[in-house]
PDB file of N, CA and C in Angstrom:
ATOM      1  N   MET A   1     -88.369 -88.015 -49.619  1.00  0.00           N
ATOM      2  CA  MET A   1     -89.640 -87.651 -49.039  1.00  0.00           C
ATOM      3  C   MET A   1     -89.979 -86.230 -49.472  1.00  0.00           C
ATOM      4  N   ARG A   2     -91.167 -86.045 -49.912  1.00  0.00           N
ATOM      5  CA  ARG A   2     -91.611 -84.717 -50.358  1.00  0.00           C
ATOM      6  C   ARG A   2     -92.404 -84.082 -49.233  1.00  0.00           C
ATOM      7  N   THR A   3     -92.070 -82.817 -48.915  1.00  0.00           N
ATOM      8  CA  THR A   3     -92.773 -82.101 -47.862  1.00  0.00           C
ATOM      9  C   THR A   3     -92.810 -80.618 -48.193  1.00  0.00           C
ATOM     10  N   THR A   4     -93.708 -79.900 -47.584  1.00  0.00           N
ATOM     11  CA  THR A   4     -93.798 -78.453 -47.767  1.00  0.00           C
ATOM     12  C   THR A   4     -93.125 -77.789 -46.571  1.00  0.00           C
ATOM     13  N   LEU A   5     -92.274 -76.839 -46.873  1.00  0.00           N
ATOM     14  CA  LEU A   5     -91.514 -76.162 -45.835  1.00  0.00           C
ATOM     15  C   LEU A   5     -91.608 -74.663 -46.086  1.00  0.00           C
ATOM     16  N   THR A   6     -91.974 -73.900 -45.085  1.00  0.00           N
ATOM     17  CA  THR A   6     -92.035 -72.446 -45.207  1.00  0.00           C
ATOM     18  C   THR A   6     -90.769 -71.855 -44.593  1.00  0.00           C
ATOM     19  N   LEU A   7     -90.006 -71.145 -45.421  1.00  0.00           N
ATOM     20  CA  LEU A   7     -88.753 -70.548 -44.979  1.00  0.00           C
ATOM     21  C   LEU A   7     -88.925 -69.050 -44.812  1.00  0.00           C
ATOM     22  N   ASP A   8     -88.210 -68.485 -43.857  1.00  0.00           N
ATOM     23  CA  ASP A   8     -88.159 -67.033 -43.733  1.00  0.00           C
ATOM     24  C   ASP A   8     -87.465 -66.472 -44.969  1.00  0.00           C
ATOM     25  N   ASP A   9     -87.825 -65.252 -45.337  1.00  0.00           N
ATOM     26  CA  ASP A   9     -87.282 -64.648 -46.559  1.00  0.00           C
ATOM     27  C   ASP A   9     -85.762 -64.566 -46.545  1.00  0.00           C
ATOM     28  N   ASP A  10     -85.186 -64.192 -45.393  1.00  0.00           N
ATOM     29  CA  ASP A  10     -83.727 -64.060 -45.330  1.00  0.00           C
ATOM     30  C   ASP A  10     -83.028 -65.408 -45.514  1.00  0.00           C
ATOM     31  N   LEU A  11     -83.621 -66.479 -44.972  1.00  0.00           N
ATOM     32  CA  LEU A  11     -83.022 -67.813 -45.132  1.00  0.00           C
ATOM     33  C   LEU A  11     -83.133 -68.293 -46.572  1.00  0.00           C
ATOM     34  N   ALA A  12     -84.293 -68.101 -47.176  1.00  0.00           N
ATOM     35  CA  ALA A  12     -84.483 -68.521 -48.564  1.00  0.00           C
ATOM     36  C   ALA A  12     -83.512 -67.780 -49.476  1.00  0.00           C
ATOM     37  N   SER A  13     -83.341 -66.490 -49.225  1.00  0.00           N
ATOM     38  CA  SER A  13     -82.424 -65.695 -50.034  1.00  0.00           C
ATOM     39  C   SER A  13     -80.994 -66.197 -49.892  1.00  0.00           C
ATOM     40  N   ARG A  14     -80.600 -66.476 -48.670  1.00  0.00           N
ATOM     41  CA  ARG A  14     -79.222 -66.968 -48.426  1.00  0.00           C
ATOM     42  C   ARG A  14     -79.013 -68.337 -49.057  1.00  0.00           C
ATOM     43  N   LEU A  15     -80.008 -69.204 -48.981  1.00  0.00           N
ATOM     44  CA  LEU A  15     -79.900 -70.531 -49.600  1.00  0.00           C
ATOM     45  C   LEU A  15     -79.802 -70.412 -51.119  1.00  0.00           C
ATOM     46  N   ARG A  16     -80.555 -69.493 -51.714  1.00  0.00           N
ATOM     47  CA  ARG A  16     -80.458 -69.281 -53.162  1.00  0.00           C
ATOM     48  C   ARG A  16     -79.059 -68.780 -53.532  1.00  0.00           C
ATOM     49  N   GLU A  17     -78.510 -67.873 -52.716  1.00  0.00           N
ATOM     50  CA  GLU A  17     -77.149 -67.371 -52.959  1.00  0.00           C
ATOM     51  C   GLU A  17     -76.149 -68.519 -52.936  1.00  0.00           C
ATOM     52  N   LEU A  18     -76.279 -69.392 -51.927  1.00  0.00           N
ATOM     53  CA  LEU A  18     -75.371 -70.534 -51.835  1.00  0.00           C
ATOM     54  C   LEU A  18     -75.504 -71.429 -53.061  1.00  0.00           C
ATOM     55  N   GLY A  19     -76.725 -71.602 -53.536  1.00  0.00           N
ATOM     56  CA  GLY A  19     -76.947 -72.403 -54.737  1.00  0.00           C
ATOM     57  C   GLY A  19     -76.294 -71.794 -55.958  1.00  0.00           C
ATOM     58  N   LYS A  20     -76.398 -70.476 -56.102  1.00  0.00           N
ATOM     59  CA  LYS A  20     -75.769 -69.803 -57.242  1.00  0.00           C
ATOM     60  C   LYS A  20     -74.252 -69.937 -57.179  1.00  0.00           C
ATOM     61  N   LEU A  21     -73.704 -69.783 -55.981  1.00  0.00           N
ATOM     62  CA  LEU A  21     -72.250 -69.866 -55.829  1.00  0.00           C
ATOM     63  C   LEU A  21     -71.726 -71.276 -56.105  1.00  0.00           C
ATOM     64  N   SER A  22     -72.463 -72.271 -55.654  1.00  0.00           N
ATOM     65  CA  SER A  22     -71.997 -73.654 -55.812  1.00  0.00           C
ATOM     66  C   SER A  22     -72.480 -74.304 -57.099  1.00  0.00           C
ATOM     67  N   GLY A  23     -73.521 -73.735 -57.694  1.00  0.00           N
ATOM     68  CA  GLY A  23     -74.081 -74.348 -58.900  1.00  0.00           C
ATOM     69  C   GLY A  23     -74.990 -75.523 -58.593  1.00  0.00           C
ATOM     70  N   ALA A  24     -75.268 -75.732 -57.318  1.00  0.00           N
ATOM     71  CA  ALA A  24     -76.112 -76.854 -56.895  1.00  0.00           C
ATOM     72  C   ALA A  24     -77.575 -76.430 -56.916  1.00  0.00           C
ATOM     73  N   PRO A  25     -78.482 -77.389 -57.148  1.00  0.00           N
ATOM     74  CA  PRO A  25     -79.906 -77.060 -57.103  1.00  0.00           C
ATOM     75  C   PRO A  25     -80.340 -76.694 -55.681  1.00  0.00           C
ATOM     76  N   PHE A  26     -81.428 -75.920 -55.593  1.00  0.00           N
ATOM     77  CA  PHE A  26     -81.941 -75.438 -54.314  1.00  0.00           C
ATOM     78  C   PHE A  26     -82.182 -76.587 -53.346  1.00  0.00           C
ATOM     79  N   LYS A  27     -82.785 -77.674 -53.824  1.00  0.00           N
ATOM     80  CA  LYS A  27     -83.086 -78.828 -52.967  1.00  0.00           C
ATOM     81  C   LYS A  27     -81.815 -79.372 -52.318  1.00  0.00           C
ATOM     82  N   GLN A  28     -80.746 -79.491 -53.096  1.00  0.00           N
ATOM     83  CA  GLN A  28     -79.490 -80.025 -52.568  1.00  0.00           C
ATOM     84  C   GLN A  28     -78.880 -79.064 -51.544  1.00  0.00           C
ATOM     85  N   VAL A  29     -78.941 -77.767 -51.820  1.00  0.00           N
ATOM     86  CA  VAL A  29     -78.391 -76.781 -50.890  1.00  0.00           C
ATOM     87  C   VAL A  29     -79.131 -76.851 -49.552  1.00  0.00           C
ATOM     88  N   VAL A  30     -80.463 -76.943 -49.610  1.00  0.00           N
ATOM     89  CA  VAL A  30     -81.256 -77.041 -48.377  1.00  0.00           C
ATOM     90  C   VAL A  30     -80.882 -78.305 -47.614  1.00  0.00           C
ATOM     91  N   ASN A  31     -80.819 -79.455 -48.311  1.00  0.00           N
ATOM     92  CA  ASN A  31     -80.480 -80.718 -47.643  1.00  0.00           C
ATOM     93  C   ASN A  31     -79.074 -80.684 -47.044  1.00  0.00           C
ATOM     94  N   ASP A  32     -78.106 -80.177 -47.798  1.00  0.00           N
ATOM     95  CA  ASP A  32     -76.723 -80.111 -47.287  1.00  0.00           C
ATOM     96  C   ASP A  32     -76.627 -79.203 -46.074  1.00  0.00           C
ATOM     97  N   THR A  33     -77.343 -78.078 -46.118  1.00  0.00           N
ATOM     98  CA  THR A  33     -77.314 -77.131 -44.996  1.00  0.00           C
ATOM     99  C   THR A  33     -77.950 -77.737 -43.756  1.00  0.00           C
ATOM    100  N   LEU A  34     -79.066 -78.414 -43.931  1.00  0.00           N
ATOM    101  CA  LEU A  34     -79.715 -79.071 -42.784  1.00  0.00           C
ATOM    102  C   LEU A  34     -78.824 -80.164 -42.201  1.00  0.00           C
ATOM    103  N   ARG A  35     -78.187 -80.955 -43.083  1.00  0.00           N
ATOM    104  CA  ARG A  35     -77.288 -82.014 -42.582  1.00  0.00           C
ATOM    105  C   ARG A  35     -76.138 -81.413 -41.773  1.00  0.00           C
ATOM    106  N   ALA A  36     -75.537 -80.365 -42.296  1.00  0.00           N
ATOM    107  CA  ALA A  36     -74.413 -79.725 -41.598  1.00  0.00           C
ATOM    108  C   ALA A  36     -74.865 -79.177 -40.254  1.00  0.00           C
ATOM    109  N   GLY A  37     -76.038 -78.579 -40.210  1.00  0.00           N
ATOM    110  CA  GLY A  37     -76.553 -78.043 -38.958  1.00  0.00           C
ATOM    111  C   GLY A  37     -76.837 -79.129 -37.944  1.00  0.00           C
ATOM    112  N   LEU A  38     -77.393 -80.236 -38.406  1.00  0.00           N
ATOM    113  CA  LEU A  38     -77.691 -81.347 -37.491  1.00  0.00           C
ATOM    114  C   LEU A  38     -76.407 -81.998 -36.984  1.00  0.00           C
ATOM    115  N   ARG A  39     -75.400 -82.110 -37.859  1.00  0.00           N
ATOM    116  CA  ARG A  39     -74.118 -82.704 -37.438  1.00  0.00           C
ATOM    117  C   ARG A  39     -73.428 -81.826 -36.399  1.00  0.00           C
ATOM    118  N   SER A  40     -73.535 -80.526 -36.554  1.00  0.00           N
ATOM    119  CA  SER A  40     -72.836 -79.636 -35.626  1.00  0.00           C
ATOM    120  C   SER A  40     -73.402 -79.722 -34.218  1.00  0.00           C
ATOM    121  N   GLY A  41     -74.651 -80.141 -34.096  1.00  0.00           N
ATOM    122  CA  GLY A  41     -75.262 -80.260 -32.781  1.00  0.00           C
ATOM    123  C   GLY A  41     -75.081 -81.624 -32.138  1.00  0.00           C
ATOM    124  N   GLU A  42     -74.431 -82.556 -32.835  1.00  0.00           N
ATOM    125  CA  GLU A  42     -74.282 -83.906 -32.313  1.00  0.00           C
ATOM    126  C   GLU A  42     -73.322 -83.983 -31.132  1.00  0.00           C
ATOM    127  N   LYS A  43     -72.222 -83.274 -31.210  1.00  0.00           N
ATOM    128  CA  LYS A  43     -71.289 -83.307 -30.079  1.00  0.00           C
ATOM    129  C   LYS A  43     -70.828 -81.884 -29.794  1.00  0.00           C
ATOM    130  N   PRO A  44     -70.686 -81.557 -28.545  1.00  0.00           N
ATOM    131  CA  PRO A  44     -70.277 -80.190 -28.205  1.00  0.00           C
ATOM    132  C   PRO A  44     -68.854 -79.913 -28.663  1.00  0.00           C
ATOM    133  N   ALA A  45     -68.590 -78.663 -28.903  1.00  0.00           N
ATOM    134  CA  ALA A  45     -67.248 -78.245 -29.309  1.00  0.00           C
ATOM    135  C   ALA A  45     -66.260 -78.510 -28.181  1.00  0.00           C
ATOM    136  N   GLU A  46     -65.030 -78.736 -28.562  1.00  0.00           N
ATOM    137  CA  GLU A  46     -63.971 -78.957 -27.586  1.00  0.00           C
ATOM    138  C   GLU A  46     -63.779 -77.683 -26.759  1.00  0.00           C
ATOM    139  N   PRO A  47     -63.616 -77.823 -25.461  1.00  0.00           N
ATOM    140  CA  PRO A  47     -63.394 -76.617 -24.653  1.00  0.00           C
ATOM    141  C   PRO A  47     -62.042 -75.986 -24.979  1.00  0.00           C
ATOM    142  N   LEU A  48     -62.014 -74.683 -24.956  1.00  0.00           N
ATOM    143  CA  LEU A  48     -60.768 -73.971 -25.212  1.00  0.00           C
ATOM    144  C   LEU A  48     -59.856 -74.061 -23.995  1.00  0.00           C
ATOM    145  N   PRO A  49     -58.548 -74.050 -24.226  1.00  0.00           N
ATOM    146  CA  PRO A  49     -57.649 -74.052 -23.066  1.00  0.00           C
ATOM    147  C   PRO A  49     -57.835 -72.754 -22.285  1.00  0.00           C
ATOM    148  N   PRO A  50     -57.610 -72.793 -20.986  1.00  0.00           N
ATOM    149  CA  PRO A  50     -57.798 -71.579 -20.190  1.00  0.00           C
ATOM    150  C   PRO A  50     -56.829 -70.483 -20.638  1.00  0.00           C
ATOM    151  N   PHE A  51     -57.316 -69.260 -20.636  1.00  0.00           N
ATOM    152  CA  PHE A  51     -56.495 -68.109 -20.996  1.00  0.00           C
ATOM    153  C   PHE A  51     -55.705 -67.682 -19.778  1.00  0.00           C
ATOM    154  N   ARG A  52     -54.407 -67.618 -19.930  1.00  0.00           N
ATOM    155  CA  ARG A  52     -53.563 -67.264 -18.812  1.00  0.00           C
ATOM    156  C   ARG A  52     -52.773 -65.998 -19.139  1.00  0.00           C
ATOM    157  N   VAL A  53     -52.682 -65.120 -18.171  1.00  0.00           N
ATOM    158  CA  VAL A  53     -51.907 -63.894 -18.311  1.00  0.00           C
ATOM    159  C   VAL A  53     -50.683 -64.020 -17.420  1.00  0.00           C
ATOM    160  N   THR A  54     -49.529 -63.766 -18.017  1.00  0.00           N
ATOM    161  CA  THR A  54     -48.292 -63.817 -17.254  1.00  0.00           C
ATOM    162  C   THR A  54     -47.871 -62.390 -16.924  1.00  0.00           C
ATOM    163  N   PRO A  55     -47.971 -61.990 -15.670  1.00  0.00           N
ATOM    164  CA  PRO A  55     -47.596 -60.614 -15.320  1.00  0.00           C
ATOM    165  C   PRO A  55     -46.084 -60.426 -15.389  1.00  0.00           C
ATOM    166  N   ARG A  56     -45.701 -59.223 -15.761  1.00  0.00           N
ATOM    167  CA  ARG A  56     -44.278 -58.885 -15.808  1.00  0.00           C
ATOM    168  C   ARG A  56     -44.078 -57.532 -15.134  1.00  0.00           C
ATOM    169  N   ALA A  57     -42.927 -57.347 -14.580  1.00  0.00           N
ATOM    170  CA  ALA A  57     -42.616 -56.076 -13.917  1.00  0.00           C
ATOM    171  C   ALA A  57     -42.559 -54.960 -14.958  1.00  0.00           C
ATOM    172  N   ALA A  58     -43.058 -53.772 -14.603  1.00  0.00           N
ATOM    173  CA  ALA A  58     -43.064 -52.646 -15.521  1.00  0.00           C
ATOM    174  C   ALA A  58     -41.653 -52.122 -15.758  1.00  0.00           C
ATOM    175  N   GLY A  59     -40.869 -52.110 -14.733  1.00  0.00           N
ATOM    176  CA  GLY A  59     -39.470 -51.736 -14.879  1.00  0.00           C
ATOM    177  C   GLY A  59     -39.225 -50.282 -15.237  1.00  0.00           C
ATOM    178  N   PHE A  60     -39.553 -49.353 -14.352  1.00  0.00           N
ATOM    179  CA  PHE A  60     -39.256 -47.953 -14.586  1.00  0.00           C
ATOM    180  C   PHE A  60     -37.765 -47.716 -14.405  1.00  0.00           C
ATOM    181  N   ARG A  61     -37.257 -46.714 -15.097  1.00  0.00           N
ATOM    182  CA  ARG A  61     -35.837 -46.388 -14.989  1.00  0.00           C
ATOM    183  C   ARG A  61     -35.495 -45.914 -13.580  1.00  0.00           C
ATOM    184  N   ALA A  62     -34.272 -46.168 -13.192  1.00  0.00           N
ATOM    185  CA  ALA A  62     -33.817 -45.730 -11.873  1.00  0.00           C
ATOM    186  C   ALA A  62     -33.847 -44.206 -11.812  1.00  0.00           C
ATOM    187  N   GLY A  63     -34.296 -43.678 -10.690  1.00  0.00           N
ATOM    188  CA  GLY A  63     -34.343 -42.240 -10.495  1.00  0.00           C
ATOM    189  C   GLY A  63     -35.652 -41.605 -10.938  1.00  0.00           C
ATOM    190  N   LEU A  64     -36.538 -42.377 -11.570  1.00  0.00           N
ATOM    191  CA  LEU A  64     -37.829 -41.852 -12.000  1.00  0.00           C
ATOM    192  C   LEU A  64     -38.821 -41.980 -10.855  1.00  0.00           C
ATOM    193  N   ASP A  65     -39.407 -40.854 -10.484  1.00  0.00           N
ATOM    194  CA  ASP A  65     -40.389 -40.845  -9.404  1.00  0.00           C
ATOM    195  C   ASP A  65     -41.754 -41.157 -10.017  1.00  0.00           C
ATOM    196  N   VAL A  66     -42.223 -42.384  -9.840  1.00  0.00           N
ATOM    197  CA  VAL A  66     -43.474 -42.805 -10.470  1.00  0.00           C
ATOM    198  C   VAL A  66     -44.672 -42.031  -9.939  1.00  0.00           C
ATOM    199  N   ARG A  67     -44.521 -41.403  -8.795  1.00  0.00           N
ATOM    200  CA  ARG A  67     -45.624 -40.607  -8.247  1.00  0.00           C
ATOM    201  C   ARG A  67     -45.801 -39.294  -8.991  1.00  0.00           C
ATOM    202  N   ARG A  68     -44.824 -38.942  -9.832  1.00  0.00           N
ATOM    203  CA  ARG A  68     -44.893 -37.666 -10.551  1.00  0.00           C
ATOM    204  C   ARG A  68     -45.116 -37.866 -12.049  1.00  0.00           C
ATOM    205  N   LEU A  69     -45.582 -39.041 -12.457  1.00  0.00           N
ATOM    206  CA  LEU A  69     -45.805 -39.302 -13.881  1.00  0.00           C
ATOM    207  C   LEU A  69     -46.890 -38.398 -14.460  1.00  0.00           C
ATOM    208  N   ASN A  70     -47.923 -38.088 -13.691  1.00  0.00           N
ATOM    209  CA  ASN A  70     -48.965 -37.191 -14.182  1.00  0.00           C
ATOM    210  C   ASN A  70     -48.405 -35.802 -14.448  1.00  0.00           C
ATOM    211  N   GLN A  71     -47.512 -35.359 -13.605  1.00  0.00           N
ATOM    212  CA  GLN A  71     -46.892 -34.046 -13.814  1.00  0.00           C
ATOM    213  C   GLN A  71     -46.076 -34.065 -15.104  1.00  0.00           C
ATOM    214  N   LEU A  72     -45.336 -35.123 -15.322  1.00  0.00           N
ATOM    215  CA  LEU A  72     -44.553 -35.251 -16.551  1.00  0.00           C
ATOM    216  C   LEU A  72     -45.469 -35.216 -17.770  1.00  0.00           C
ATOM    217  N   ASN A  73     -46.582 -35.928 -17.695  1.00  0.00           N
ATOM    218  CA  ASN A  73     -47.541 -35.944 -18.793  1.00  0.00           C
ATOM    219  C   ASN A  73     -48.075 -34.540 -19.062  1.00  0.00           C
ATOM    220  N   ASP A  74     -48.414 -33.819 -18.030  1.00  0.00           N
ATOM    221  CA  ASP A  74     -48.907 -32.446 -18.180  1.00  0.00           C
ATOM    222  C   ASP A  74     -47.859 -31.555 -18.847  1.00  0.00           C
ATOM    223  N   GLU A  75     -46.609 -31.704 -18.453  1.00  0.00           N
ATOM    224  CA  GLU A  75     -45.545 -30.893 -19.031  1.00  0.00           C
ATOM    225  C   GLU A  75     -45.369 -31.202 -20.513  1.00  0.00           C
ATOM    226  N   LEU A  76     -45.423 -32.467 -20.871  1.00  0.00           N
ATOM    227  CA  LEU A  76     -45.279 -32.844 -22.272  1.00  0.00           C
ATOM    228  C   LEU A  76     -46.454 -32.329 -23.102  1.00  0.00           C
ATOM    229  N   GLU A  77     -47.662 -32.409 -22.563  1.00  0.00           N
ATOM    230  CA  GLU A  77     -48.827 -31.880 -23.275  1.00  0.00           C
ATOM    231  C   GLU A  77     -48.727 -30.367 -23.437  1.00  0.00           C
ATOM    232  N   SER A  78     -48.211 -29.674 -22.422  1.00  0.00           N
ATOM    233  CA  SER A  78     -48.054 -28.220 -22.501  1.00  0.00           C
ATOM    234  C   SER A  78     -47.064 -27.852 -23.595  1.00  0.00           C
ATOM    235  N   GLU A  79     -45.958 -28.579 -23.665  1.00  0.00           N
ATOM    236  CA  GLU A  79     -44.961 -28.318 -24.703  1.00  0.00           C
ATOM    237  C   GLU A  79     -45.553 -28.551 -26.086  1.00  0.00           C
ATOM    238  N   GLU A  80     -46.320 -29.615 -26.233  1.00  0.00           N
ATOM    239  CA  GLU A  80     -46.944 -29.927 -27.516  1.00  0.00           C
ATOM    240  C   GLU A  80     -47.949 -28.841 -27.906  1.00  0.00           C
ATOM    241  N   LEU A  81     -48.713 -28.350 -26.950  1.00  0.00           N
ATOM    242  CA  LEU A  81     -49.680 -27.293 -27.205  1.00  0.00           C
ATOM    243  C   LEU A  81     -48.972 -26.014 -27.652  1.00  0.00           C
ATOM    244  N   LEU A  82     -47.848 -25.683 -27.010  1.00  0.00           N
ATOM    245  CA  LEU A  82     -47.089 -24.499 -27.412  1.00  0.00           C
ATOM    246  C   LEU A  82     -46.590 -24.615 -28.850  1.00  0.00           C
ATOM    247  N   VAL A  83     -46.119 -25.789 -29.219  1.00  0.00           N
ATOM    248  CA  VAL A  83     -45.641 -26.005 -30.590  1.00  0.00           C
ATOM    249  C   VAL A  83     -46.782 -25.823 -31.576  1.00  0.00           C
ATOM    250  N   GLU A  84     -47.956 -26.386 -31.282  1.00  0.00           N
ATOM    251  CA  GLU A  84     -49.116 -26.251 -32.160  1.00  0.00           C
ATOM    252  C   GLU A  84     -49.567 -24.813 -32.273  1.00  0.00           C
ATOM    253  N   LEU A  85     -49.595 -24.089 -31.151  1.00  0.00           N
ATOM    254  CA  LEU A  85     -50.013 -22.692 -31.182  1.00  0.00           C
ATOM    255  C   LEU A  85     -49.027 -21.837 -31.983  1.00  0.00           C
ATOM    256  N   THR A  86     -47.743 -22.146 -31.852  1.00  0.00           N
ATOM    257  CA  THR A  86     -46.717 -21.418 -32.594  1.00  0.00           C
ATOM    258  C   THR A  86     -46.885 -21.668 -34.094  1.00  0.00           C
ATOM    259  N   ARG A  87     -47.145 -22.909 -34.460  1.00  0.00           N
ATOM    260  CA  ARG A  87     -47.365 -23.247 -35.876  1.00  0.00           C
ATOM    261  C   ARG A  87     -48.580 -22.527 -36.436  1.00  0.00           C
ATOM    262  N   SER A  88     -49.677 -22.560 -35.705  1.00  0.00           N
ATOM    263  CA  SER A  88     -50.895 -21.921 -36.202  1.00  0.00           C
ATOM    264  C   SER A  88     -50.752 -20.407 -36.283  1.00  0.00           C
ATOM    265  N   ALA A  89     -49.988 -19.805 -35.354  1.00  0.00           N
ATOM    266  CA  ALA A  89     -49.772 -18.346 -35.377  1.00  0.00           C
ATOM    267  C   ALA A  89     -48.913 -17.951 -36.567  1.00  0.00           C
ATOM    268  N   THR A  90     -47.939 -18.761 -36.909  1.00  0.00           N
ATOM    269  CA  THR A  90     -47.044 -18.431 -38.032  1.00  0.00           C
ATOM    270  C   THR A  90     -47.692 -18.740 -39.367  1.00  0.00           C
ATOM    271  N   SER A  91     -48.645 -19.629 -39.411  1.00  0.00           N
ATOM    272  CA  SER A  91     -49.300 -19.970 -40.683  1.00  0.00           C
ATOM    273  C   SER A  91     -50.412 -18.998 -41.024  1.00  0.00           C
ATOM    274  N   ASP A  92     -50.894 -18.228 -40.052  1.00  0.00           N
ATOM    275  CA  ASP A  92     -51.985 -17.265 -40.319  1.00  0.00           C
ATOM    276  C   ASP A  92     -51.511 -16.061 -40.997  1.00  0.00           C
TER     277      ASP A  92
END
């Protein structure tokens, strides 16, 4: 069946690219693309299995006060800053 179809520029460009890559004529690329699109809408995709998260204990070492982790972080950052400042002072 012969018909006139107006395509958006981006679609026409993409269809021409597909034709160049496959070596198929434009008419065949358009027909194959339409068939694939129509087939994909025939039945819904299979539902994905539910995503499940399995929680695990964090397991802090014995004797570690978890309420003082922020203090530990601050101390480590301070030590790192001192090392950086010492490096920059000696390199100048």
